[in-house]
Amino acid sequence: MDAPAVGRELLPEDLQTAEAIAAFLADAEATADPAYIEHAREVAARARAMHGIK
């Protein structure tokens, strides 16, 4: 099983604000790992839907 490139795995439940999502995506982009960036975008999309964030 592949681990995320940075930190512990964040779940949509962990990302409850637009600012938290933005920071999470910025950290993912900083890794320059296309697979991790795509994964982070999917987690962020689920978090937005779960918490009603646009």
C-alpha atoms as a PDB file:
ATOM      1  CA  MET A   1       0.000   0.000   0.000  1.00  0.00           C
ATOM      2  CA  ASP A   2       1.357   3.406  -0.967  1.00  0.00           C
ATOM      3  CA  ALA A   3       1.608   6.036   1.737  1.00  0.00           C
ATOM      4  CA  PRO A   4       0.987   9.712   1.065  1.00  0.00           C
ATOM      5  CA  ALA A   5       4.063  11.750   0.226  1.00  0.00           C
ATOM      6  CA  VAL A   6       3.713  14.056   3.230  1.00  0.00           C
ATOM      7  CA  GLY A   7       2.298  13.725   6.731  1.00  0.00           C
ATOM      8  CA  ARG A   8      -0.465  11.410   7.798  1.00  0.00           C
ATOM      9  CA  GLU A   9      -3.324  10.667   5.478  1.00  0.00           C
ATOM     10  CA  LEU A  10      -5.985  13.347   5.760  1.00  0.00           C
ATOM     11  CA  LEU A  11      -9.608  12.425   5.339  1.00  0.00           C
ATOM     12  CA  PRO A  12     -12.439  14.612   4.065  1.00  0.00           C
ATOM     13  CA  GLU A  13     -13.614  14.823   7.689  1.00  0.00           C
ATOM     14  CA  ASP A  14     -10.325  16.568   8.556  1.00  0.00           C
ATOM     15  CA  LEU A  15     -10.800  19.324   5.970  1.00  0.00           C
ATOM     16  CA  GLN A  16     -13.673  21.387   7.318  1.00  0.00           C
ATOM     17  CA  THR A  17     -12.893  24.848   5.903  1.00  0.00           C
ATOM     18  CA  ALA A  18     -11.955  26.325   2.547  1.00  0.00           C
ATOM     19  CA  GLU A  19      -8.659  27.422   4.100  1.00  0.00           C
ATOM     20  CA  ALA A  20      -7.846  23.900   5.279  1.00  0.00           C
ATOM     21  CA  ILE A  21      -8.592  22.522   1.822  1.00  0.00           C
ATOM     22  CA  ALA A  22      -6.441  25.179   0.158  1.00  0.00           C
ATOM     23  CA  ALA A  23      -3.517  24.449   2.486  1.00  0.00           C
ATOM     24  CA  PHE A  24      -3.890  20.701   1.912  1.00  0.00           C
ATOM     25  CA  LEU A  25      -3.855  21.167  -1.864  1.00  0.00           C
ATOM     26  CA  ALA A  26      -0.866  23.535  -1.677  1.00  0.00           C
ATOM     27  CA  ASP A  27       1.078  20.966   0.326  1.00  0.00           C
ATOM     28  CA  ALA A  28       0.174  18.292  -2.215  1.00  0.00           C
ATOM     29  CA  GLU A  29       1.279  20.496  -5.122  1.00  0.00           C
ATOM     30  CA  ALA A  30       4.592  21.110  -3.345  1.00  0.00           C
ATOM     31  CA  THR A  31       5.392  17.397  -3.513  1.00  0.00           C
ATOM     32  CA  ALA A  32       5.379  17.486  -7.339  1.00  0.00           C
ATOM     33  CA  ASP A  33       4.046  13.909  -7.194  1.00  0.00           C
ATOM     34  CA  PRO A  34       1.278  13.680  -9.822  1.00  0.00           C
ATOM     35  CA  ALA A  35      -0.360  10.651  -8.212  1.00  0.00           C
ATOM     36  CA  TYR A  36      -0.458  12.278  -4.775  1.00  0.00           C
ATOM     37  CA  ILE A  37      -1.722  15.559  -6.221  1.00  0.00           C
ATOM     38  CA  GLU A  38      -4.584  13.735  -7.956  1.00  0.00           C
ATOM     39  CA  HIS A  39      -5.384  11.865  -4.754  1.00  0.00           C
ATOM     40  CA  ALA A  40      -5.397  15.138  -2.797  1.00  0.00           C
ATOM     41  CA  ARG A  41      -7.755  16.720  -5.324  1.00  0.00           C
ATOM     42  CA  GLU A  42     -10.155  13.791  -4.890  1.00  0.00           C
ATOM     43  CA  VAL A  43     -10.025  14.084  -1.091  1.00  0.00           C
ATOM     44  CA  ALA A  44     -10.580  17.841  -1.357  1.00  0.00           C
ATOM     45  CA  ALA A  45     -13.592  17.346  -3.639  1.00  0.00           C
ATOM     46  CA  ARG A  46     -15.115  14.903  -1.158  1.00  0.00           C
ATOM     47  CA  ALA A  47     -14.444  17.332   1.702  1.00  0.00           C
ATOM     48  CA  ARG A  48     -16.108  20.193  -0.179  1.00  0.00           C
ATOM     49  CA  ALA A  49     -19.172  18.067  -0.847  1.00  0.00           C
ATOM     50  CA  MET A  50     -19.313  16.718   2.701  1.00  0.00           C
ATOM     51  CA  HIS A  51     -19.060  20.141   4.341  1.00  0.00           C
ATOM     52  CA  GLY A  52     -20.946  22.189   1.733  1.00  0.00           C
ATOM     53  CA  ILE A  53     -17.882  24.235   0.768  1.00  0.00           C
ATOM     54  CA  LYS A  54     -17.837  25.791  -2.693  1.00  0.00           C
END
